[in-house]
PDB file of N, CA and C in Angstrom:
ATOM      1  N   MET A   1    -219.828  54.245 112.828  1.00  0.00           N
ATOM      2  CA  MET A   1    -220.460  55.233 112.522  1.00  0.00           C
ATOM      3  C   MET A   1    -221.045  55.157 111.043  1.00  0.00           C
ATOM      4  N   THR A   2    -222.417  55.639 110.644  1.00  0.00           N
ATOM      5  CA  THR A   2    -223.027  55.435 109.613  1.00  0.00           C
ATOM      6  C   THR A   2    -222.851  56.822 108.864  1.00  0.00           C
ATOM      7  N   SER A   3    -222.730  56.592 107.624  1.00  0.00           N
ATOM      8  CA  SER A   3    -222.631  57.605 106.773  1.00  0.00           C
ATOM      9  C   SER A   3    -223.758  57.962 105.933  1.00  0.00           C
ATOM     10  N   ALA A   4    -224.008  59.145 105.822  1.00  0.00           N
ATOM     11  CA  ALA A   4    -225.383  59.517 105.014  1.00  0.00           C
ATOM     12  C   ALA A   4    -224.901  59.972 103.736  1.00  0.00           C
ATOM     13  N   ALA A   5    -225.960  59.965 103.036  1.00  0.00           N
ATOM     14  CA  ALA A   5    -225.928  59.864 101.526  1.00  0.00           C
ATOM     15  C   ALA A   5    -226.161  61.524 101.247  1.00  0.00           C
ATOM     16  N   LEU A   6    -225.371  62.233 100.365  1.00  0.00           N
ATOM     17  CA  LEU A   6    -226.240  63.539 100.210  1.00  0.00           C
ATOM     18  C   LEU A   6    -226.356  63.500  98.445  1.00  0.00           C
ATOM     19  N   SER A   7    -227.397  64.157  98.266  1.00  0.00           N
ATOM     20  CA  SER A   7    -227.713  64.423  96.662  1.00  0.00           C
ATOM     21  C   SER A   7    -227.331  65.573  96.416  1.00  0.00           C
ATOM     22  N   VAL A   8    -226.659  65.999  95.303  1.00  0.00           N
ATOM     23  CA  VAL A   8    -225.795  67.228  94.734  1.00  0.00           C
ATOM     24  C   VAL A   8    -226.644  67.450  93.397  1.00  0.00           C
ATOM     25  N   ALA A   9    -227.106  68.614  93.371  1.00  0.00           N
ATOM     26  CA  ALA A   9    -227.557  69.377  92.079  1.00  0.00           C
ATOM     27  C   ALA A   9    -226.413  70.002  91.387  1.00  0.00           C
ATOM     28  N   PHE A  10    -225.782  69.422  90.329  1.00  0.00           N
ATOM     29  CA  PHE A  10    -224.856  70.410  89.887  1.00  0.00           C
ATOM     30  C   PHE A  10    -225.487  71.437  88.923  1.00  0.00           C
ATOM     31  N   ARG A  11    -224.840  72.434  88.799  1.00  0.00           N
ATOM     32  CA  ARG A  11    -224.966  73.408  87.814  1.00  0.00           C
ATOM     33  C   ARG A  11    -223.702  73.836  87.022  1.00  0.00           C
ATOM     34  N   HIS A  12    -224.315  75.091  85.832  1.00  0.00           N
ATOM     35  CA  HIS A  12    -222.734  75.378  85.599  1.00  0.00           C
ATOM     36  C   HIS A  12    -222.102  75.948  86.310  1.00  0.00           C
ATOM     37  N   ASP A  13    -220.577  75.917  85.956  1.00  0.00           N
ATOM     38  CA  ASP A  13    -219.697  76.708  86.966  1.00  0.00           C
ATOM     39  C   ASP A  13    -219.887  78.040  87.037  1.00  0.00           C
ATOM     40  N   SER A  14    -220.055  78.818  88.199  1.00  0.00           N
ATOM     41  CA  SER A  14    -220.059  80.152  88.698  1.00  0.00           C
ATOM     42  C   SER A  14    -219.532  80.704  90.125  1.00  0.00           C
ATOM     43  N   LEU A  15    -219.874  81.638  90.216  1.00  0.00           N
ATOM     44  CA  LEU A  15    -218.882  81.960  91.641  1.00  0.00           C
ATOM     45  C   LEU A  15    -219.527  81.249  92.954  1.00  0.00           C
ATOM     46  N   THR A  16    -220.810  80.549  92.813  1.00  0.00           N
ATOM     47  CA  THR A  16    -221.225  79.919  94.069  1.00  0.00           C
ATOM     48  C   THR A  16    -221.512  78.583  93.462  1.00  0.00           C
ATOM     49  N   THR A  17    -221.411  78.012  92.338  1.00  0.00           N
ATOM     50  CA  THR A  17    -221.888  76.649  92.074  1.00  0.00           C
ATOM     51  C   THR A  17    -220.839  75.799  91.126  1.00  0.00           C
ATOM     52  N   ALA A  18    -220.984  74.754  90.907  1.00  0.00           N
ATOM     53  CA  ALA A  18    -219.863  74.001  90.415  1.00  0.00           C
ATOM     54  C   ALA A  18    -220.665  72.808  89.641  1.00  0.00           C
ATOM     55  N   SER A  19    -219.969  72.773  88.330  1.00  0.00           N
ATOM     56  CA  SER A  19    -220.665  71.783  87.133  1.00  0.00           C
ATOM     57  C   SER A  19    -219.521  70.064  87.890  1.00  0.00           C
ATOM     58  N   LYS A  20    -220.633  69.453  86.849  1.00  0.00           N
ATOM     59  CA  LYS A  20    -219.988  67.969  87.358  1.00  0.00           C
ATOM     60  C   LYS A  20    -218.565  67.657  87.052  1.00  0.00           C
ATOM     61  N   ALA A  21    -218.554  68.349  85.708  1.00  0.00           N
ATOM     62  CA  ALA A  21    -217.347  68.287  84.711  1.00  0.00           C
ATOM     63  C   ALA A  21    -216.125  68.889  85.476  1.00  0.00           C
ATOM     64  N   SER A  22    -216.592  70.400  86.099  1.00  0.00           N
ATOM     65  CA  SER A  22    -215.395  70.676  87.433  1.00  0.00           C
ATOM     66  C   SER A  22    -215.047  69.744  88.037  1.00  0.00           C
ATOM     67  N   LEU A  23    -216.062  69.075  88.673  1.00  0.00           N
ATOM     68  CA  LEU A  23    -215.410  67.962  90.042  1.00  0.00           C
ATOM     69  C   LEU A  23    -214.870  66.768  89.481  1.00  0.00           C
ATOM     70  N   GLU A  24    -215.178  66.336  87.970  1.00  0.00           N
ATOM     71  CA  GLU A  24    -214.353  65.317  87.425  1.00  0.00           C
ATOM     72  C   GLU A  24    -212.833  65.610  87.267  1.00  0.00           C
ATOM     73  N   ARG A  25    -212.764  66.613  86.776  1.00  0.00           N
ATOM     74  CA  ARG A  25    -211.455  67.526  86.582  1.00  0.00           C
ATOM     75  C   ARG A  25    -210.564  67.699  88.127  1.00  0.00           C
ATOM     76  N   MET A  26    -211.253  68.396  89.049  1.00  0.00           N
ATOM     77  CA  MET A  26    -210.486  68.417  90.287  1.00  0.00           C
ATOM     78  C   MET A  26    -210.082  67.039  90.747  1.00  0.00           C
ATOM     79  N   ALA A  27    -211.241  66.227  90.755  1.00  0.00           N
ATOM     80  CA  ALA A  27    -210.816  64.930  91.696  1.00  0.00           C
ATOM     81  C   ALA A  27    -209.437  64.289  90.416  1.00  0.00           C
ATOM     82  N   LYS A  28    -209.486  64.280  89.311  1.00  0.00           N
ATOM     83  CA  LYS A  28    -208.263  63.895  88.613  1.00  0.00           C
ATOM     84  C   LYS A  28    -206.971  64.707  88.855  1.00  0.00           C
ATOM     85  N   THR A  29    -207.196  65.867  89.264  1.00  0.00           N
ATOM     86  CA  THR A  29    -205.879  66.624  89.235  1.00  0.00           C
ATOM     87  C   THR A  29    -205.374  66.389  90.693  1.00  0.00           C
ATOM     88  N   LEU A  30    -206.099  66.178  91.536  1.00  0.00           N
ATOM     89  CA  LEU A  30    -205.884  65.633  93.231  1.00  0.00           C
ATOM     90  C   LEU A  30    -205.568  64.036  93.407  1.00  0.00           C
ATOM     91  N   GLY A  31    -206.102  63.339  92.287  1.00  0.00           N
ATOM     92  CA  GLY A  31    -205.963  61.829  92.546  1.00  0.00           C
ATOM     93  C   GLY A  31    -206.805  61.056  93.695  1.00  0.00           C
ATOM     94  N   PHE A  32    -207.858  62.165  93.527  1.00  0.00           N
ATOM     95  CA  PHE A  32    -209.119  61.475  94.583  1.00  0.00           C
ATOM     96  C   PHE A  32    -210.236  60.946  93.821  1.00  0.00           C
ATOM     97  N   THR A  33    -211.194  60.185  94.714  1.00  0.00           N
ATOM     98  CA  THR A  33    -212.466  60.020  93.969  1.00  0.00           C
ATOM     99  C   THR A  33    -213.595  61.404  94.025  1.00  0.00           C
ATOM    100  N   GLN A  34    -214.479  61.342  93.359  1.00  0.00           N
ATOM    101  CA  GLN A  34    -215.168  62.561  93.470  1.00  0.00           C
ATOM    102  C   GLN A  34    -215.554  62.519  94.693  1.00  0.00           C
ATOM    103  N   ASN A  35    -216.116  61.719  95.504  1.00  0.00           N
ATOM    104  CA  ASN A  35    -216.603  61.704  96.902  1.00  0.00           C
ATOM    105  C   ASN A  35    -215.659  62.404  97.543  1.00  0.00           C
ATOM    106  N   GLN A  36    -214.109  62.027  97.429  1.00  0.00           N
ATOM    107  CA  GLN A  36    -213.132  62.397  98.610  1.00  0.00           C
ATOM    108  C   GLN A  36    -213.158  63.656  98.217  1.00  0.00           C
ATOM    109  N   THR A  37    -212.950  64.484  96.613  1.00  0.00           N
ATOM    110  CA  THR A  37    -212.869  65.581  96.725  1.00  0.00           C
ATOM    111  C   THR A  37    -213.613  66.565  97.050  1.00  0.00           C
ATOM    112  N   VAL A  38    -215.215  66.060  97.041  1.00  0.00           N
ATOM    113  CA  VAL A  38    -216.172  66.845  97.731  1.00  0.00           C
ATOM    114  C   VAL A  38    -216.078  67.111  99.094  1.00  0.00           C
ATOM    115  N   LEU A  39    -215.449  65.749 100.086  1.00  0.00           N
ATOM    116  CA  LEU A  39    -215.396  65.794 101.514  1.00  0.00           C
ATOM    117  C   LEU A  39    -213.924  66.710 101.738  1.00  0.00           C
ATOM    118  N   TYR A  40    -212.805  66.644 100.848  1.00  0.00           N
ATOM    119  CA  TYR A  40    -211.718  67.518 100.935  1.00  0.00           C
ATOM    120  C   TYR A  40    -212.031  68.871 100.895  1.00  0.00           C
ATOM    121  N   ALA A  41    -212.745  69.454  99.626  1.00  0.00           N
ATOM    122  CA  ALA A  41    -213.539  70.657  99.920  1.00  0.00           C
ATOM    123  C   ALA A  41    -214.282  71.328 100.819  1.00  0.00           C
ATOM    124  N   LEU A  42    -215.216  70.396 101.259  1.00  0.00           N
ATOM    125  CA  LEU A  42    -215.986  70.986 102.714  1.00  0.00           C
ATOM    126  C   LEU A  42    -214.986  70.931 103.758  1.00  0.00           C
ATOM    127  N   ALA A  43    -213.977  70.110 104.129  1.00  0.00           N
ATOM    128  CA  ALA A  43    -213.067  70.401 105.183  1.00  0.00           C
ATOM    129  C   ALA A  43    -212.298  71.487 105.231  1.00  0.00           C
ATOM    130  N   ARG A  44    -211.789  71.935 103.539  1.00  0.00           N
ATOM    131  CA  ARG A  44    -210.841  73.312 103.711  1.00  0.00           C
ATOM    132  C   ARG A  44    -212.038  74.310 104.174  1.00  0.00           C
ATOM    133  N   LEU A  45    -213.158  74.357 103.543  1.00  0.00           N
ATOM    134  CA  LEU A  45    -214.310  75.461 103.961  1.00  0.00           C
ATOM    135  C   LEU A  45    -214.357  75.697 105.081  1.00  0.00           C
ATOM    136  N   ARG A  46    -214.598  74.191 105.748  1.00  0.00           N
ATOM    137  CA  ARG A  46    -214.832  74.373 107.352  1.00  0.00           C
ATOM    138  C   ARG A  46    -213.570  74.937 108.212  1.00  0.00           C
ATOM    139  N   ASP A  47    -212.295  74.622 107.787  1.00  0.00           N
ATOM    140  CA  ASP A  47    -211.100  75.276 108.276  1.00  0.00           C
ATOM    141  C   ASP A  47    -211.210  76.551 107.945  1.00  0.00           C
ATOM    142  N   GLU A  48    -211.561  77.259 107.088  1.00  0.00           N
ATOM    143  CA  GLU A  48    -211.498  78.680 106.296  1.00  0.00           C
ATOM    144  C   GLU A  48    -212.556  79.124 107.463  1.00  0.00           C
ATOM    145  N   LEU A  49    -213.518  78.851 107.238  1.00  0.00           N
ATOM    146  CA  LEU A  49    -214.479  79.422 108.480  1.00  0.00           C
ATOM    147  C   LEU A  49    -214.326  79.474 109.860  1.00  0.00           C
ATOM    148  N   GLN A  50    -213.718  78.312 110.335  1.00  0.00           N
ATOM    149  CA  GLN A  50    -213.263  78.592 111.938  1.00  0.00           C
ATOM    150  C   GLN A  50    -211.902  79.494 111.992  1.00  0.00           C
ATOM    151  N   GLN A  51    -211.303  79.629 111.413  1.00  0.00           N
ATOM    152  CA  GLN A  51    -210.177  80.636 111.212  1.00  0.00           C
ATOM    153  C   GLN A  51    -210.511  81.877 111.241  1.00  0.00           C
ATOM    154  N   ALA A  52    -211.734  82.150 110.407  1.00  0.00           N
ATOM    155  CA  ALA A  52    -212.358  83.393 110.128  1.00  0.00           C
ATOM    156  C   ALA A  52    -213.217  83.673 111.274  1.00  0.00           C
ATOM    157  N   GLU A  53    -213.793  82.949 112.273  1.00  0.00           N
ATOM    158  CA  GLU A  53    -214.720  82.967 113.127  1.00  0.00           C
ATOM    159  C   GLU A  53    -213.787  83.427 114.342  1.00  0.00           C
ATOM    160  N   SER A  54    -212.717  82.512 114.587  1.00  0.00           N
ATOM    161  CA  SER A  54    -211.818  82.897 116.004  1.00  0.00           C
ATOM    162  C   SER A  54    -210.987  84.519 115.167  1.00  0.00           C
ATOM    163  N   ALA A  55    -210.835  84.751 114.339  1.00  0.00           N
ATOM    164  CA  ALA A  55    -210.147  86.007 113.936  1.00  0.00           C
ATOM    165  C   ALA A  55    -211.230  87.254 114.417  1.00  0.00           C
ATOM    166  N   SER A  56    -212.356  86.830 114.002  1.00  0.00           N
ATOM    167  CA  SER A  56    -213.204  87.702 113.977  1.00  0.00           C
ATOM    168  C   SER A  56    -213.735  88.017 115.640  1.00  0.00           C
ATOM    169  N   GLN A  57    -213.794  87.267 116.363  1.00  0.00           N
ATOM    170  CA  GLN A  57    -213.699  87.124 117.770  1.00  0.00           C
ATOM    171  C   GLN A  57    -212.744  87.928 118.217  1.00  0.00           C
ATOM    172  N   ALA A  58    -211.430  88.218 117.945  1.00  0.00           N
ATOM    173  CA  ALA A  58    -210.372  88.621 118.539  1.00  0.00           C
ATOM    174  C   ALA A  58    -210.822  90.372 118.098  1.00  0.00           C
ATOM    175  N   VAL A  59    -211.319  90.427 117.384  1.00  0.00           N
ATOM    176  CA  VAL A  59    -211.839  92.345 116.982  1.00  0.00           C
ATOM    177  C   VAL A  59    -212.813  92.503 117.706  1.00  0.00           C
ATOM    178  N   VAL A  60    -212.408  93.704 118.214  1.00  0.00           N
ATOM    179  CA  VAL A  60    -213.391  94.367 119.180  1.00  0.00           C
ATOM    180  C   VAL A  60    -214.584  94.851 118.289  1.00  0.00           C
ATOM    181  N   THR A  61    -214.289  95.957 117.524  1.00  0.00           N
ATOM    182  CA  THR A  61    -215.020  96.957 116.964  1.00  0.00           C
ATOM    183  C   THR A  61    -215.389  96.685 115.567  1.00  0.00           C
ATOM    184  N   PRO A  62    -216.569  96.731 115.071  1.00  0.00           N
ATOM    185  CA  PRO A  62    -216.794  96.543 113.573  1.00  0.00           C
ATOM    186  C   PRO A  62    -215.951  97.481 112.527  1.00  0.00           C
ATOM    187  N   ALA A  63    -215.576  98.786 112.966  1.00  0.00           N
ATOM    188  CA  ALA A  63    -214.903  99.372 112.315  1.00  0.00           C
ATOM    189  C   ALA A  63    -213.392  98.859 111.977  1.00  0.00           C
ATOM    190  N   ALA A  64    -212.826  98.466 113.260  1.00  0.00           N
ATOM    191  CA  ALA A  64    -211.511  97.610 113.193  1.00  0.00           C
ATOM    192  C   ALA A  64    -211.710  96.443 112.035  1.00  0.00           C
ATOM    193  N   ALA A  65    -212.652  95.725 112.209  1.00  0.00           N
ATOM    194  CA  ALA A  65    -213.036  94.493 111.523  1.00  0.00           C
ATOM    195  C   ALA A  65    -212.778  94.748 109.777  1.00  0.00           C
ATOM    196  N   ALA A  66    -213.265  96.013 109.452  1.00  0.00           N
ATOM    197  CA  ALA A  66    -213.373  96.606 108.179  1.00  0.00           C
ATOM    198  C   ALA A  66    -212.076  96.507 107.696  1.00  0.00           C
ATOM    199  N   THR A  67    -211.119  97.251 108.546  1.00  0.00           N
ATOM    200  CA  THR A  67    -209.720  97.461 107.929  1.00  0.00           C
ATOM    201  C   THR A  67    -209.248  96.186 107.926  1.00  0.00           C
ATOM    202  N   ASP A  68    -209.498  95.026 108.192  1.00  0.00           N
ATOM    203  CA  ASP A  68    -208.824  93.791 108.013  1.00  0.00           C
ATOM    204  C   ASP A  68    -208.423  93.451 106.513  1.00  0.00           C
ATOM    205  N   TYR A  69    -209.159  93.811 105.617  1.00  0.00           N
ATOM    206  CA  TYR A  69    -209.744  92.950 104.286  1.00  0.00           C
ATOM    207  C   TYR A  69    -208.401  93.916 103.269  1.00  0.00           C
ATOM    208  N   PRO A  70    -207.834  93.370 102.654  1.00  0.00           N
ATOM    209  CA  PRO A  70    -207.297  94.190 101.873  1.00  0.00           C
ATOM    210  C   PRO A  70    -207.716  94.888 100.649  1.00  0.00           C
ATOM    211  N   ASP A  71    -207.414  95.847  99.924  1.00  0.00           N
ATOM    212  CA  ASP A  71    -208.202  96.417  98.694  1.00  0.00           C
ATOM    213  C   ASP A  71    -208.194  95.407  97.838  1.00  0.00           C
ATOM    214  N   LEU A  72    -209.324  95.374  97.032  1.00  0.00           N
ATOM    215  CA  LEU A  72    -209.779  94.583  96.013  1.00  0.00           C
ATOM    216  C   LEU A  72    -208.837  95.073  94.759  1.00  0.00           C
ATOM    217  N   SER A  73    -208.703  94.476  93.803  1.00  0.00           N
ATOM    218  CA  SER A  73    -207.817  94.216  92.743  1.00  0.00           C
ATOM    219  C   SER A  73    -208.685  94.672  91.871  1.00  0.00           C
ATOM    220  N   PRO A  74    -208.255  95.163  90.662  1.00  0.00           N
ATOM    221  CA  PRO A  74    -209.282  95.746  89.361  1.00  0.00           C
ATOM    222  C   PRO A  74    -209.780  94.143  88.900  1.00  0.00           C
ATOM    223  N   GLN A  75    -209.078  93.164  88.688  1.00  0.00           N
ATOM    224  CA  GLN A  75    -209.677  92.004  88.388  1.00  0.00           C
ATOM    225  C   GLN A  75    -210.519  91.488  89.271  1.00  0.00           C
ATOM    226  N   GLN A  76    -210.312  91.381  90.597  1.00  0.00           N
ATOM    227  CA  GLN A  76    -211.641  91.330  91.519  1.00  0.00           C
ATOM    228  C   GLN A  76    -212.933  92.149  91.534  1.00  0.00           C
ATOM    229  N   PHE A  77    -212.556  93.319  91.231  1.00  0.00           N
ATOM    230  CA  PHE A  77    -213.627  94.347  90.871  1.00  0.00           C
ATOM    231  C   PHE A  77    -214.440  93.844  89.108  1.00  0.00           C
ATOM    232  N   ALA A  78    -213.886  93.320  88.125  1.00  0.00           N
ATOM    233  CA  ALA A  78    -214.331  92.740  87.321  1.00  0.00           C
ATOM    234  C   ALA A  78    -215.179  91.737  87.294  1.00  0.00           C
ATOM    235  N   ILE A  79    -214.678  90.777  88.269  1.00  0.00           N
ATOM    236  CA  ILE A  79    -215.670  89.733  88.358  1.00  0.00           C
ATOM    237  C   ILE A  79    -216.627  90.033  89.520  1.00  0.00           C
ATOM    238  N   ILE A  80    -216.425  90.776  90.296  1.00  0.00           N
ATOM    239  CA  ILE A  80    -217.865  90.980  91.001  1.00  0.00           C
ATOM    240  C   ILE A  80    -218.955  91.410  89.702  1.00  0.00           C
ATOM    241  N   ARG A  81    -218.365  92.280  89.031  1.00  0.00           N
ATOM    242  CA  ARG A  81    -219.375  93.117  88.286  1.00  0.00           C
ATOM    243  C   ARG A  81    -220.129  92.008  87.231  1.00  0.00           C
ATOM    244  N   GLN A  82    -219.173  90.933  86.883  1.00  0.00           N
ATOM    245  CA  GLN A  82    -219.608  90.119  85.937  1.00  0.00           C
ATOM    246  C   GLN A  82    -220.744  89.274  86.459  1.00  0.00           C
ATOM    247  N   HIS A  83    -220.637  89.155  88.157  1.00  0.00           N
ATOM    248  CA  HIS A  83    -221.592  88.352  88.552  1.00  0.00           C
ATOM    249  C   HIS A  83    -222.718  88.973  89.509  1.00  0.00           C
ATOM    250  N   ALA A  84    -222.955  90.377  89.211  1.00  0.00           N
ATOM    251  CA  ALA A  84    -223.679  91.155  89.591  1.00  0.00           C
ATOM    252  C   ALA A  84    -224.987  91.123  88.929  1.00  0.00           C
ATOM    253  N   PRO A  85    -226.301  91.437  89.875  1.00  0.00           N
ATOM    254  CA  PRO A  85    -227.687  91.278  88.945  1.00  0.00           C
ATOM    255  C   PRO A  85    -227.597  92.330  87.836  1.00  0.00           C
ATOM    256  N   LYS A  86    -228.199  91.665  86.670  1.00  0.00           N
ATOM    257  CA  LYS A  86    -228.376  92.625  85.580  1.00  0.00           C
ATOM    258  C   LYS A  86    -229.667  93.359  85.780  1.00  0.00           C
ATOM    259  N   ARG A  87    -229.555  94.930  85.331  1.00  0.00           N
ATOM    260  CA  ARG A  87    -230.957  95.460  84.947  1.00  0.00           C
ATOM    261  C   ARG A  87    -231.952  95.160  84.177  1.00  0.00           C
ATOM    262  N   ARG A  88    -233.104  94.816  84.644  1.00  0.00           N
ATOM    263  CA  ARG A  88    -234.093  94.096  83.946  1.00  0.00           C
ATOM    264  C   ARG A  88    -235.218  95.348  83.347  1.00  0.00           C
ATOM    265  N   GLY A  89    -235.519  95.430  82.321  1.00  0.00           N
ATOM    266  CA  GLY A  89    -236.461  96.334  81.857  1.00  0.00           C
ATOM    267  C   GLY A  89    -236.091  98.126  81.520  1.00  0.00           C
ATOM    268  N   LYS A  90    -236.719  98.738  81.759  1.00  0.00           N
ATOM    269  CA  LYS A  90    -236.414 100.372  81.483  1.00  0.00           C
ATOM    270  C   LYS A  90    -236.487 101.007  83.057  1.00  0.00           C
ATOM    271  N   PRO A  91    -235.654 101.828  83.416  1.00  0.00           N
ATOM    272  CA  PRO A  91    -235.947 102.719  84.585  1.00  0.00           C
ATOM    273  C   PRO A  91    -237.352 103.287  84.668  1.00  0.00           C
ATOM    274  N   VAL A  92    -237.863 103.368  85.763  1.00  0.00           N
ATOM    275  CA  VAL A  92    -239.065 103.892  85.601  1.00  0.00           C
ATOM    276  C   VAL A  92    -238.806 105.784  86.045  1.00  0.00           C
ATOM    277  N   ARG A  93    -239.840 106.202  85.526  1.00  0.00           N
ATOM    278  CA  ARG A  93    -239.422 107.762  85.174  1.00  0.00           C
ATOM    279  C   ARG A  93    -240.643 108.446  86.257  1.00  0.00           C
ATOM    280  N   SER A  94    -240.672 109.603  86.796  1.00  0.00           N
ATOM    281  CA  SER A  94    -241.814 110.082  87.632  1.00  0.00           C
ATOM    282  C   SER A  94    -242.692 110.282  86.633  1.00  0.00           C
ATOM    283  N   SER A  95    -242.457 110.769  85.482  1.00  0.00           N
ATOM    284  CA  SER A  95    -243.385 111.000  84.381  1.00  0.00           C
ATOM    285  C   SER A  95    -244.649 109.739  84.178  1.00  0.00           C
ATOM    286  N   SER A  96    -244.095 108.680  84.106  1.00  0.00           N
ATOM    287  CA  SER A  96    -244.781 107.284  83.629  1.00  0.00           C
ATOM    288  C   SER A  96    -245.520 106.843  85.179  1.00  0.00           C
ATOM    289  N   LEU A  97    -245.290 107.448  86.195  1.00  0.00           N
ATOM    290  CA  LEU A  97    -245.701 106.957  87.350  1.00  0.00           C
ATOM    291  C   LEU A  97    -247.062 107.649  87.069  1.00  0.00           C
ATOM    292  N   ALA A  98    -246.993 109.191  87.191  1.00  0.00           N
ATOM    293  CA  ALA A  98    -247.914 110.329  87.216  1.00  0.00           C
ATOM    294  C   ALA A  98    -249.121 109.635  86.193  1.00  0.00           C
ATOM    295  N   SER A  99    -248.767 109.272  84.984  1.00  0.00           N
ATOM    296  CA  SER A  99    -249.832 108.381  83.906  1.00  0.00           C
ATOM    297  C   SER A  99    -250.524 107.473  84.693  1.00  0.00           C
ATOM    298  N   LEU A 100    -249.786 106.891  85.906  1.00  0.00           N
ATOM    299  CA  LEU A 100    -250.972 105.768  86.064  1.00  0.00           C
ATOM    300  C   LEU A 100    -251.778 105.965  87.310  1.00  0.00           C
ATOM    301  N   LEU A 101    -251.661 107.571  87.749  1.00  0.00           N
ATOM    302  CA  LEU A 101    -252.473 107.874  88.683  1.00  0.00           C
ATOM    303  C   LEU A 101    -253.783 108.439  88.271  1.00  0.00           C
TER     304      LEU A 101
END
């Protein structure tokens, strides 16, 4: 079996990205190399997705699937709000549109 190399562009820590420093801390905590840590994280994500997929196949209706999730806590809402896109510029008013016509 041959192994393929994967190039990773690290970014700052956020909801969907991780920094090189975070990878180093995780590897040290787990006692793994950085490569082993990445492969471990991918394996865990694969298992979670497979479990979610098998659970979603058991659900017949979309309405029933929506009730399977627990309510979000105030802390989770705060995290979502923190990562939501920020408004840019001023809101458009109908009077400003009329002046363009």
